């Protein structure tokens, strides 16, 4: 997966505006926002997305196991 780039200077982004793809390096964020704590750290965003993907994978795996269990029960009857 490619790393996020600052929309101003193209450097590696450290912060994003929540809910958008607008990302900023630390220097540009500090220059353009009076309070960078209002921005979401890119790493936080990555961890949230990873957690959501992992949850979805777990749901799909459980659905597959349930389906296989039902198939096995049908065959044994």
PDB file of N, CA and C in Angstrom:
ATOM      1  N   UNK A   1       0.846  -1.175   0.000  1.00  0.00           N
ATOM      2  CA  UNK A   1       0.000   0.000   0.000  1.00  0.00           C
ATOM      3  C   UNK A   1       0.889   1.236   0.000  1.00  0.00           C
ATOM      4  N   UNK A   2       0.601   2.201  -0.861  1.00  0.00           N
ATOM      5  CA  UNK A   2       1.394   3.407  -0.954  1.00  0.00           C
ATOM      6  C   UNK A   2       1.172   4.317   0.234  1.00  0.00           C
ATOM      7  N   UNK A   3       2.192   5.085   0.555  1.00  0.00           N
ATOM      8  CA  UNK A   3       2.044   5.991   1.688  1.00  0.00           C
ATOM      9  C   UNK A   3       1.350   7.268   1.249  1.00  0.00           C
ATOM     10  N   UNK A   4       0.683   7.887   2.190  1.00  0.00           N
ATOM     11  CA  UNK A   4      -0.029   9.132   1.906  1.00  0.00           C
ATOM     12  C   UNK A   4       0.986  10.248   1.714  1.00  0.00           C
ATOM     13  N   UNK A   5       0.656  11.167   0.806  1.00  0.00           N
ATOM     14  CA  UNK A   5       1.529  12.306   0.504  1.00  0.00           C
ATOM     15  C   UNK A   5       0.836  13.602   0.902  1.00  0.00           C
ATOM     16  N   UNK A   6       1.613  14.561   1.309  1.00  0.00           N
ATOM     17  CA  UNK A   6       1.120  15.899   1.638  1.00  0.00           C
ATOM     18  C   UNK A   6       0.557  16.546   0.372  1.00  0.00           C
ATOM     19  N   UNK A   7      -0.648  17.116   0.480  1.00  0.00           N
ATOM     20  CA  UNK A   7      -1.262  17.725  -0.705  1.00  0.00           C
ATOM     21  C   UNK A   7      -0.607  19.056  -1.062  1.00  0.00           C
ATOM     22  N   UNK A   8       0.214  19.593  -0.181  1.00  0.00           N
ATOM     23  CA  UNK A   8       0.871  20.873  -0.456  1.00  0.00           C
ATOM     24  C   UNK A   8       2.267  20.682  -1.046  1.00  0.00           C
ATOM     25  N   UNK A   9       3.090  19.889  -0.355  1.00  0.00           N
ATOM     26  CA  UNK A   9       4.487  19.779  -0.795  1.00  0.00           C
ATOM     27  C   UNK A   9       4.871  18.402  -1.322  1.00  0.00           C
ATOM     28  N   UNK A  10       4.026  17.396  -1.129  1.00  0.00           N
ATOM     29  CA  UNK A  10       4.315  16.062  -1.630  1.00  0.00           C
ATOM     30  C   UNK A  10       5.142  15.189  -0.701  1.00  0.00           C
ATOM     31  N   UNK A  11       5.537  15.718   0.449  1.00  0.00           N
ATOM     32  CA  UNK A  11       6.299  14.915   1.412  1.00  0.00           C
ATOM     33  C   UNK A  11       5.378  13.874   2.048  1.00  0.00           C
ATOM     34  N   UNK A  12       5.968  12.937   2.783  1.00  0.00           N
ATOM     35  CA  UNK A  12       5.171  11.918   3.467  1.00  0.00           C
ATOM     36  C   UNK A  12       4.223  12.589   4.454  1.00  0.00           C
ATOM     37  N   UNK A  13       2.945  12.234   4.363  1.00  0.00           N
ATOM     38  CA  UNK A  13       1.935  12.849   5.218  1.00  0.00           C
ATOM     39  C   UNK A  13       1.944  12.225   6.608  1.00  0.00           C
ATOM     40  N   UNK A  14       1.711  13.052   7.598  1.00  0.00           N
ATOM     41  CA  UNK A  14       1.598  12.603   8.983  1.00  0.00           C
ATOM     42  C   UNK A  14       0.194  12.845   9.523  1.00  0.00           C
ATOM     43  N   UNK A  15      -0.568  13.738   8.885  1.00  0.00           N
ATOM     44  CA  UNK A  15      -1.902  14.109   9.362  1.00  0.00           C
ATOM     45  C   UNK A  15      -2.882  14.184   8.202  1.00  0.00           C
ATOM     46  N   UNK A  16      -4.148  13.908   8.491  1.00  0.00           N
ATOM     47  CA  UNK A  16      -5.222  14.039   7.501  1.00  0.00           C
ATOM     48  C   UNK A  16      -6.408  14.743   8.139  1.00  0.00           C
ATOM     49  N   UNK A  17      -7.227  15.350   7.314  1.00  0.00           N
ATOM     50  CA  UNK A  17      -8.495  15.885   7.784  1.00  0.00           C
ATOM     51  C   UNK A  17      -9.459  14.716   7.798  1.00  0.00           C
ATOM     52  N   UNK A  18     -10.072  14.466   8.945  1.00  0.00           N
ATOM     53  CA  UNK A  18     -10.973  13.320   9.096  1.00  0.00           C
ATOM     54  C   UNK A  18     -12.072  13.358   8.041  1.00  0.00           C
ATOM     55  N   UNK A  19     -12.287  12.215   7.410  1.00  0.00           N
ATOM     56  CA  UNK A  19     -13.352  12.087   6.433  1.00  0.00           C
ATOM     57  C   UNK A  19     -12.996  12.584   5.039  1.00  0.00           C
ATOM     58  N   UNK A  20     -11.751  12.982   4.830  1.00  0.00           N
ATOM     59  CA  UNK A  20     -11.322  13.446   3.511  1.00  0.00           C
ATOM     60  C   UNK A  20     -10.003  12.753   3.148  1.00  0.00           C
ATOM     61  N   UNK A  21      -9.560  12.964   1.931  1.00  0.00           N
ATOM     62  CA  UNK A  21      -8.256  12.440   1.534  1.00  0.00           C
ATOM     63  C   UNK A  21      -7.190  13.540   1.593  1.00  0.00           C
ATOM     64  N   UNK A  22      -7.524  14.674   2.223  1.00  0.00           N
ATOM     65  CA  UNK A  22      -6.573  15.779   2.362  1.00  0.00           C
ATOM     66  C   UNK A  22      -5.582  15.459   3.482  1.00  0.00           C
ATOM     67  N   UNK A  23      -4.322  15.255   3.103  1.00  0.00           N
ATOM     68  CA  UNK A  23      -3.286  14.895   4.070  1.00  0.00           C
ATOM     69  C   UNK A  23      -2.133  15.883   3.998  1.00  0.00           C
ATOM     70  N   UNK A  24      -1.434  16.020   5.120  1.00  0.00           N
ATOM     71  CA  UNK A  24      -0.376  17.025   5.251  1.00  0.00           C
ATOM     72  C   UNK A  24       0.822  16.452   5.993  1.00  0.00           C
ATOM     73  N   UNK A  25       2.008  16.901   5.595  1.00  0.00           N
ATOM     74  CA  UNK A  25       3.198  16.587   6.382  1.00  0.00           C
ATOM     75  C   UNK A  25       3.125  17.432   7.654  1.00  0.00           C
ATOM     76  N   UNK A  26       3.977  17.152   8.602  1.00  0.00           N
ATOM     77  CA  UNK A  26       3.919  17.871   9.876  1.00  0.00           C
ATOM     78  C   UNK A  26       4.150  19.372   9.687  1.00  0.00           C
ATOM     79  N   UNK A  27       5.124  19.733   8.858  1.00  0.00           N
ATOM     80  CA  UNK A  27       5.448  21.145   8.646  1.00  0.00           C
ATOM     81  C   UNK A  27       4.282  21.906   8.018  1.00  0.00           C
ATOM     82  N   UNK A  28       3.700  21.359   6.962  1.00  0.00           N
ATOM     83  CA  UNK A  28       2.578  22.042   6.295  1.00  0.00           C
ATOM     84  C   UNK A  28       1.349  22.090   7.198  1.00  0.00           C
ATOM     85  N   UNK A  29       1.140  21.038   7.993  1.00  0.00           N
ATOM     86  CA  UNK A  29       0.008  21.032   8.922  1.00  0.00           C
ATOM     87  C   UNK A  29       0.151  22.157   9.935  1.00  0.00           C
ATOM     88  N   UNK A  30       1.349  22.302  10.491  1.00  0.00           N
ATOM     89  CA  UNK A  30       1.584  23.352  11.479  1.00  0.00           C
ATOM     90  C   UNK A  30       1.451  24.744  10.864  1.00  0.00           C
ATOM     91  N   UNK A  31       1.882  24.896   9.593  1.00  0.00           N
ATOM     92  CA  UNK A  31       1.783  26.191   8.921  1.00  0.00           C
ATOM     93  C   UNK A  31       0.343  26.565   8.571  1.00  0.00           C
ATOM     94  N   UNK A  32      -0.498  25.562   8.276  1.00  0.00           N
ATOM     95  CA  UNK A  32      -1.832  25.833   7.765  1.00  0.00           C
ATOM     96  C   UNK A  32      -2.963  25.665   8.777  1.00  0.00           C
ATOM     97  N   UNK A  33      -2.683  25.079   9.923  1.00  0.00           N
ATOM     98  CA  UNK A  33      -3.714  24.872  10.942  1.00  0.00           C
ATOM     99  C   UNK A  33      -3.213  25.392  12.275  1.00  0.00           C
ATOM    100  N   UNK A  34      -4.076  26.141  12.960  1.00  0.00           N
ATOM    101  CA  UNK A  34      -3.663  26.689  14.248  1.00  0.00           C
ATOM    102  C   UNK A  34      -3.606  25.602  15.315  1.00  0.00           C
ATOM    103  N   UNK A  35      -4.364  24.526  15.139  1.00  0.00           N
ATOM    104  CA  UNK A  35      -4.387  23.449  16.126  1.00  0.00           C
ATOM    105  C   UNK A  35      -4.349  22.108  15.399  1.00  0.00           C
ATOM    106  N   UNK A  36      -3.149  21.520  15.286  1.00  0.00           N
ATOM    107  CA  UNK A  36      -3.044  20.262  14.533  1.00  0.00           C
ATOM    108  C   UNK A  36      -3.650  19.092  15.295  1.00  0.00           C
ATOM    109  N   UNK A  37      -4.013  19.297  16.568  1.00  0.00           N
ATOM    110  CA  UNK A  37      -4.665  18.203  17.299  1.00  0.00           C
ATOM    111  C   UNK A  37      -6.050  17.911  16.730  1.00  0.00           C
ATOM    112  N   UNK A  38      -6.572  18.834  15.930  1.00  0.00           N
ATOM    113  CA  UNK A  38      -7.868  18.622  15.286  1.00  0.00           C
ATOM    114  C   UNK A  38      -7.738  17.707  14.066  1.00  0.00           C
ATOM    115  N   UNK A  39      -6.515  17.469  13.617  1.00  0.00           N
ATOM    116  CA  UNK A  39      -6.276  16.583  12.484  1.00  0.00           C
ATOM    117  C   UNK A  39      -6.089  15.157  12.990  1.00  0.00           C
ATOM    118  N   UNK A  40      -6.357  14.195  12.134  1.00  0.00           N
ATOM    119  CA  UNK A  40      -6.199  12.795  12.484  1.00  0.00           C
ATOM    120  C   UNK A  40      -4.807  12.344  12.051  1.00  0.00           C
ATOM    121  N   UNK A  41      -4.080  11.741  12.959  1.00  0.00           N
ATOM    122  CA  UNK A  41      -2.773  11.210  12.600  1.00  0.00           C
ATOM    123  C   UNK A  41      -2.966  10.081  11.597  1.00  0.00           C
ATOM    124  N   UNK A  42      -2.160  10.059  10.560  1.00  0.00           N
ATOM    125  CA  UNK A  42      -2.265   9.038   9.518  1.00  0.00           C
ATOM    126  C   UNK A  42      -2.173   7.651  10.146  1.00  0.00           C
ATOM    127  N   UNK A  43      -1.290   7.468  11.094  1.00  0.00           N
ATOM    128  CA  UNK A  43      -1.132   6.156  11.734  1.00  0.00           C
ATOM    129  C   UNK A  43      -2.424   5.727  12.426  1.00  0.00           C
ATOM    130  N   UNK A  44      -3.124   6.676  13.057  1.00  0.00           N
ATOM    131  CA  UNK A  44      -4.412   6.357  13.677  1.00  0.00           C
ATOM    132  C   UNK A  44      -5.393   5.864  12.629  1.00  0.00           C
ATOM    133  N   UNK A  45      -5.424   6.552  11.509  1.00  0.00           N
ATOM    134  CA  UNK A  45      -6.334   6.195  10.422  1.00  0.00           C
ATOM    135  C   UNK A  45      -6.008   4.798   9.890  1.00  0.00           C
ATOM    136  N   UNK A  46      -4.743   4.509   9.740  1.00  0.00           N
ATOM    137  CA  UNK A  46      -4.313   3.196   9.249  1.00  0.00           C
ATOM    138  C   UNK A  46      -4.741   2.105  10.235  1.00  0.00           C
ATOM    139  N   UNK A  47      -4.553   2.344  11.520  1.00  0.00           N
ATOM    140  CA  UNK A  47      -4.924   1.351  12.527  1.00  0.00           C
ATOM    141  C   UNK A  47      -6.434   1.113  12.545  1.00  0.00           C
ATOM    142  N   UNK A  48      -7.219   2.177  12.375  1.00  0.00           N
ATOM    143  CA  UNK A  48      -8.673   2.040  12.333  1.00  0.00           C
ATOM    144  C   UNK A  48      -9.094   1.211  11.127  1.00  0.00           C
ATOM    145  N   UNK A  49      -8.522   1.508   9.966  1.00  0.00           N
ATOM    146  CA  UNK A  49      -8.852   0.750   8.766  1.00  0.00           C
ATOM    147  C   UNK A  49      -8.439  -0.712   8.908  1.00  0.00           C
ATOM    148  N   UNK A  50      -7.272  -0.944   9.483  1.00  0.00           N
ATOM    149  CA  UNK A  50      -6.800  -2.316   9.674  1.00  0.00           C
ATOM    150  C   UNK A  50      -7.751  -3.076  10.586  1.00  0.00           C
ATOM    151  N   UNK A  51      -8.211  -2.447  11.656  1.00  0.00           N
ATOM    152  CA  UNK A  51      -9.139  -3.091  12.581  1.00  0.00           C
ATOM    153  C   UNK A  51     -10.445  -3.446  11.869  1.00  0.00           C
ATOM    154  N   UNK A  52     -10.965  -2.513  11.058  1.00  0.00           N
ATOM    155  CA  UNK A  52     -12.208  -2.771  10.333  1.00  0.00           C
ATOM    156  C   UNK A  52     -12.055  -3.921   9.339  1.00  0.00           C
ATOM    157  N   UNK A  53     -10.929  -3.953   8.635  1.00  0.00           N
ATOM    158  CA  UNK A  53     -10.674  -5.035   7.677  1.00  0.00           C
ATOM    159  C   UNK A  53     -10.568  -6.368   8.421  1.00  0.00           C
ATOM    160  N   UNK A  54      -9.844  -6.382   9.533  1.00  0.00           N
ATOM    161  CA  UNK A  54      -9.706  -7.614  10.309  1.00  0.00           C
ATOM    162  C   UNK A  54     -11.058  -8.111  10.805  1.00  0.00           C
ATOM    163  N   UNK A  55     -11.915  -7.204  11.255  1.00  0.00           N
ATOM    164  CA  UNK A  55     -13.252  -7.587  11.708  1.00  0.00           C
ATOM    165  C   UNK A  55     -14.056  -8.193  10.567  1.00  0.00           C
ATOM    166  N   UNK A  56     -13.969  -7.596   9.388  1.00  0.00           N
ATOM    167  CA  UNK A  56     -14.708  -8.096   8.225  1.00  0.00           C
ATOM    168  C   UNK A  56     -14.192  -9.482   7.826  1.00  0.00           C
ATOM    169  N   UNK A  57     -12.884  -9.671   7.861  1.00  0.00           N
ATOM    170  CA  UNK A  57     -12.301 -10.975   7.544  1.00  0.00           C
ATOM    171  C   UNK A  57     -12.792 -12.015   8.540  1.00  0.00           C
ATOM    172  N   UNK A  58     -12.809 -11.669   9.819  1.00  0.00           N
ATOM    173  CA  UNK A  58     -13.295 -12.593  10.837  1.00  0.00           C
ATOM    174  C   UNK A  58     -14.758 -12.954  10.600  1.00  0.00           C
ATOM    175  N   UNK A  59     -15.584 -11.970  10.243  1.00  0.00           N
ATOM    176  CA  UNK A  59     -16.999 -12.229   9.943  1.00  0.00           C
ATOM    177  C   UNK A  59     -17.120 -13.190   8.763  1.00  0.00           C
ATOM    178  N   UNK A  60     -16.361 -12.940   7.701  1.00  0.00           N
ATOM    179  CA  UNK A  60     -16.410 -13.801   6.516  1.00  0.00           C
ATOM    180  C   UNK A  60     -15.943 -15.217   6.836  1.00  0.00           C
ATOM    181  N   UNK A  61     -14.894 -15.331   7.639  1.00  0.00           N
ATOM    182  CA  UNK A  61     -14.403 -16.654   8.025  1.00  0.00           C
ATOM    183  C   UNK A  61     -15.455 -17.396   8.839  1.00  0.00           C
ATOM    184  N   UNK A  62     -16.117 -16.693   9.735  1.00  0.00           N
ATOM    185  CA  UNK A  62     -17.159 -17.318  10.546  1.00  0.00           C
ATOM    186  C   UNK A  62     -18.325 -17.764   9.668  1.00  0.00           C
ATOM    187  N   UNK A  63     -18.713 -16.922   8.704  1.00  0.00           N
ATOM    188  CA  UNK A  63     -19.792 -17.283   7.777  1.00  0.00           C
ATOM    189  C   UNK A  63     -19.426 -18.539   6.987  1.00  0.00           C
ATOM    190  N   UNK A  64     -18.181 -18.640   6.534  1.00  0.00           N
ATOM    191  CA  UNK A  64     -17.732 -19.811   5.784  1.00  0.00           C
ATOM    192  C   UNK A  64     -17.760 -21.056   6.659  1.00  0.00           C
ATOM    193  N   UNK A  65     -17.310 -20.926   7.921  1.00  0.00           N
ATOM    194  CA  UNK A  65     -17.326 -22.064   8.838  1.00  0.00           C
ATOM    195  C   UNK A  65     -18.761 -22.516   9.096  1.00  0.00           C
ATOM    196  N   UNK A  66     -19.662 -21.569   9.295  1.00  0.00           N
ATOM    197  CA  UNK A  66     -21.070 -21.910   9.524  1.00  0.00           C
ATOM    198  C   UNK A  66     -21.649 -22.624   8.314  1.00  0.00           C
ATOM    199  N   UNK A  67     -21.312 -22.160   7.130  1.00  0.00           N
ATOM    200  CA  UNK A  67     -21.806 -22.766   5.897  1.00  0.00           C
ATOM    201  C   UNK A  67     -21.263 -24.185   5.745  1.00  0.00           C
ATOM    202  N   UNK A  68     -19.995 -24.376   6.048  1.00  0.00           N
ATOM    203  CA  UNK A  68     -19.395 -25.710   5.963  1.00  0.00           C
ATOM    204  C   UNK A  68     -20.014 -26.648   6.988  1.00  0.00           C
ATOM    205  N   UNK A  69     -20.286 -26.138   8.184  1.00  0.00           N
ATOM    206  CA  UNK A  69     -20.922 -26.953   9.221  1.00  0.00           C
ATOM    207  C   UNK A  69     -22.294 -27.417   8.759  1.00  0.00           C
ATOM    208  N   UNK A  70     -23.074 -26.535   8.137  1.00  0.00           N
ATOM    209  CA  UNK A  70     -24.403 -26.904   7.643  1.00  0.00           C
ATOM    210  C   UNK A  70     -24.295 -27.936   6.531  1.00  0.00           C
ATOM    211  N   UNK A  71     -23.312 -27.789   5.649  1.00  0.00           N
ATOM    212  CA  UNK A  71     -23.105 -28.753   4.555  1.00  0.00           C
ATOM    213  C   UNK A  71     -22.752 -30.125   5.122  1.00  0.00           C
ATOM    214  N   UNK A  72     -21.911 -30.164   6.112  1.00  0.00           N
ATOM    215  CA  UNK A  72     -21.509 -31.415   6.732  1.00  0.00           C
ATOM    216  C   UNK A  72     -22.697 -32.093   7.398  1.00  0.00           C
ATOM    217  N   UNK A  73     -23.525 -31.306   8.097  1.00  0.00           N
ATOM    218  CA  UNK A  73     -24.717 -31.844   8.733  1.00  0.00           C
ATOM    219  C   UNK A  73     -25.679 -32.424   7.700  1.00  0.00           C
ATOM    220  N   UNK A  74     -25.859 -31.749   6.578  1.00  0.00           N
ATOM    221  CA  UNK A  74     -26.738 -32.224   5.510  1.00  0.00           C
ATOM    222  C   UNK A  74     -26.235 -33.551   4.932  1.00  0.00           C
ATOM    223  N   UNK A  75     -24.927 -33.680   4.770  1.00  0.00           N
ATOM    224  CA  UNK A  75     -24.338 -34.893   4.204  1.00  0.00           C
ATOM    225  C   UNK A  75     -24.466 -36.082   5.154  1.00  0.00           C
ATOM    226  N   UNK A  76     -24.415 -35.827   6.451  1.00  0.00           N
ATOM    227  CA  UNK A  76     -24.438 -36.920   7.414  1.00  0.00           C
ATOM    228  C   UNK A  76     -25.859 -37.408   7.703  1.00  0.00           C
ATOM    229  N   UNK A  77     -26.855 -36.727   7.233  1.00  0.00           N
ATOM    230  CA  UNK A  77     -28.245 -37.139   7.485  1.00  0.00           C
ATOM    231  C   UNK A  77     -28.708 -38.181   6.538  1.00  0.00           C
TER     232      UNK A  77
END
